[in-house]
C-alpha atoms as a PDB file:
ATOM      1  CA  MET A   1     112.000 133.360  87.327  1.00  0.00           C
ATOM      2  CA  ALA A   2     113.283 129.467  87.322  1.00  0.00           C
ATOM      3  CA  SER A   3     116.701 129.047  86.608  1.00  0.00           C
ATOM      4  CA  VAL A   4     117.712 126.876  83.455  1.00  0.00           C
ATOM      5  CA  ALA A   5     118.252 123.520  85.415  1.00  0.00           C
ATOM      6  CA  GLU A   6     114.614 124.015  86.867  1.00  0.00           C
ATOM      7  CA  GLN A   7     113.221 124.629  83.611  1.00  0.00           C
ATOM      8  CA  ASN A   8     114.727 121.588  82.177  1.00  0.00           C
ATOM      9  CA  ALA A   9     113.724 119.291  85.047  1.00  0.00           C
ATOM     10  CA  ILE A  10     110.175 120.692  84.413  1.00  0.00           C
ATOM     11  CA  VAL A  11     110.325 120.283  80.486  1.00  0.00           C
ATOM     12  CA  THR A  12     111.432 116.397  81.181  1.00  0.00           C
ATOM     13  CA  THR A  13     108.685 115.768  83.650  1.00  0.00           C
ATOM     14  CA  VAL A  14     106.178 116.897  80.799  1.00  0.00           C
ATOM     15  CA  LYS A  15     107.612 114.941  78.421  1.00  0.00           C
ATOM     16  CA  ALA A  16     107.648 111.989  80.143  1.00  0.00           C
ATOM     17  CA  TRP A  17     103.867 112.096  80.939  1.00  0.00           C
ATOM     18  CA  PRO A  18     102.618 110.071  78.087  1.00  0.00           C
ATOM     19  CA  GLU A  19     104.800 107.341  78.426  1.00  0.00           C
ATOM     20  CA  ARG A  20     103.855 107.325  82.231  1.00  0.00           C
ATOM     21  CA  ILE A  21     100.067 107.465  80.876  1.00  0.00           C
ATOM     22  CA  LYS A  22     100.889 104.551  78.676  1.00  0.00           C
ATOM     23  CA  SER A  23     102.308 102.716  81.200  1.00  0.00           C
ATOM     24  CA  PHE A  24      99.719 103.443  84.047  1.00  0.00           C
ATOM     25  CA  TYR A  25      97.027 102.056  81.533  1.00  0.00           C
ATOM     26  CA  ASN A  26      99.019  98.802  80.580  1.00  0.00           C
ATOM     27  CA  ASP A  27      99.083  98.343  84.315  1.00  0.00           C
ATOM     28  CA  VAL A  28      95.315  98.876  85.052  1.00  0.00           C
ATOM     29  CA  ARG A  29      94.605  96.633  82.019  1.00  0.00           C
ATOM     30  CA  THR A  30      96.837  93.822  83.573  1.00  0.00           C
ATOM     31  CA  GLU A  31      95.051  94.120  86.656  1.00  0.00           C
ATOM     32  CA  MET A  32      91.719  93.848  85.311  1.00  0.00           C
ATOM     33  CA  ARG A  33      92.298  90.883  83.563  1.00  0.00           C
ATOM     34  CA  LYS A  34      92.637  89.077  86.986  1.00  0.00           C
ATOM     35  CA  VAL A  35      89.173  90.582  88.247  1.00  0.00           C
ATOM     36  CA  THR A  36      86.048  87.906  88.548  1.00  0.00           C
ATOM     37  CA  ALA A  37      82.461  88.653  89.602  1.00  0.00           C
ATOM     38  CA  PRO A  38      81.672  86.750  92.169  1.00  0.00           C
ATOM     39  CA  THR A  39      79.072  83.585  91.978  1.00  0.00           C
ATOM     40  CA  TRP A  40      75.502  83.852  92.474  1.00  0.00           C
ATOM     41  CA  LYS A  41      76.264  81.348  95.911  1.00  0.00           C
ATOM     42  CA  GLU A  42      78.787  83.875  96.975  1.00  0.00           C
ATOM     43  CA  VAL A  43      76.699  86.899  96.581  1.00  0.00           C
ATOM     44  CA  GLN A  44      74.032  85.186  98.477  1.00  0.00           C
ATOM     45  CA  ALA A  45      76.435  83.754 101.063  1.00  0.00           C
ATOM     46  CA  THR A  46      77.979  87.370 101.825  1.00  0.00           C
ATOM     47  CA  THR A  47      74.678  88.751 101.630  1.00  0.00           C
ATOM     48  CA  THR A  48      73.254  86.792 104.359  1.00  0.00           C
ATOM     49  CA  VAL A  49      76.488  87.214 106.731  1.00  0.00           C
ATOM     50  CA  VAL A  50      76.100  91.000 106.432  1.00  0.00           C
ATOM     51  CA  ILE A  51      72.334  90.732 107.507  1.00  0.00           C
ATOM     52  CA  ILE A  52      72.787  88.509 110.409  1.00  0.00           C
ATOM     53  CA  THR A  53      75.721  90.894 111.168  1.00  0.00           C
ATOM     54  CA  VAL A  54      73.641  94.067 111.062  1.00  0.00           C
ATOM     55  CA  PHE A  55      70.650  92.405 112.917  1.00  0.00           C
ATOM     56  CA  ILE A  56      73.129  91.235 116.003  1.00  0.00           C
ATOM     57  CA  PHE A  57      74.462  95.005 115.909  1.00  0.00           C
ATOM     58  CA  ALA A  58      71.149  96.551 116.117  1.00  0.00           C
ATOM     59  CA  VAL A  59      70.339  94.065 119.076  1.00  0.00           C
ATOM     60  CA  TYR A  60      73.496  94.835 120.907  1.00  0.00           C
ATOM     61  CA  PHE A  61      73.196  98.810 120.597  1.00  0.00           C
ATOM     62  CA  ALA A  62      69.607  98.847 121.552  1.00  0.00           C
ATOM     63  CA  ILE A  63      70.645  96.690 124.551  1.00  0.00           C
ATOM     64  CA  ILE A  64      73.389  99.200 125.164  1.00  0.00           C
ATOM     65  CA  ASP A  65      71.331 102.267 124.523  1.00  0.00           C
ATOM     66  CA  TYR A  66      68.254 100.895 126.848  1.00  0.00           C
ATOM     67  CA  PHE A  67      70.828 100.803 129.421  1.00  0.00           C
ATOM     68  CA  ILE A  68      72.085 104.121 128.869  1.00  0.00           C
ATOM     69  CA  GLN A  69      68.558 105.640 129.021  1.00  0.00           C
ATOM     70  CA  GLN A  70      67.880 103.897 132.357  1.00  0.00           C
ATOM     71  CA  GLY A  71      71.203 105.328 133.833  1.00  0.00           C
ATOM     72  CA  VAL A  72      70.596 109.005 132.523  1.00  0.00           C
ATOM     73  CA  SER A  73      66.976 108.876 133.561  1.00  0.00           C
ATOM     74  CA  TRP A  74      68.044 107.737 137.400  1.00  0.00           C
ATOM     75  CA  LEU A  75      70.567 110.308 137.486  1.00  0.00           C
ATOM     76  CA  PHE A  76      68.077 112.853 136.707  1.00  0.00           C
ATOM     77  CA  HIS A  77      65.808 111.766 139.085  1.00  0.00           C
ATOM     78  CA  TYR A  78      68.333 111.433 141.995  1.00  0.00           C
ATOM     79  CA  PHE A  79      69.321 114.866 141.324  1.00  0.00           C
ATOM     80  CA  LYS A  80      65.796 116.144 141.013  1.00  0.00           C
ATOM     81  CA  VAL A  81      64.722 114.473 144.199  1.00  0.00           C
ATOM     82  CA  GLN A  82      67.964 115.936 146.034  1.00  0.00           C
ATOM     83  CA  GLY A  83      67.659 119.434 144.878  1.00  0.00           C
END
């Protein structure tokens, strides 16, 4: 069983919920008023940057993958000939 002090703390916490929810809701509304949608030019610019970046990473990883594949193939061939 919980002591009287613990029960009072629980009751106080439960009673504070509506005020905390109201405060949170007001904070969310205040922050949402600061949010703006990007312009069409901003959307195009960021999309272009993303596409170029993805292409660069794709080329980079393709090159790295090729060299790793060649290295592993060489190792398998080397040990196959030796064994």
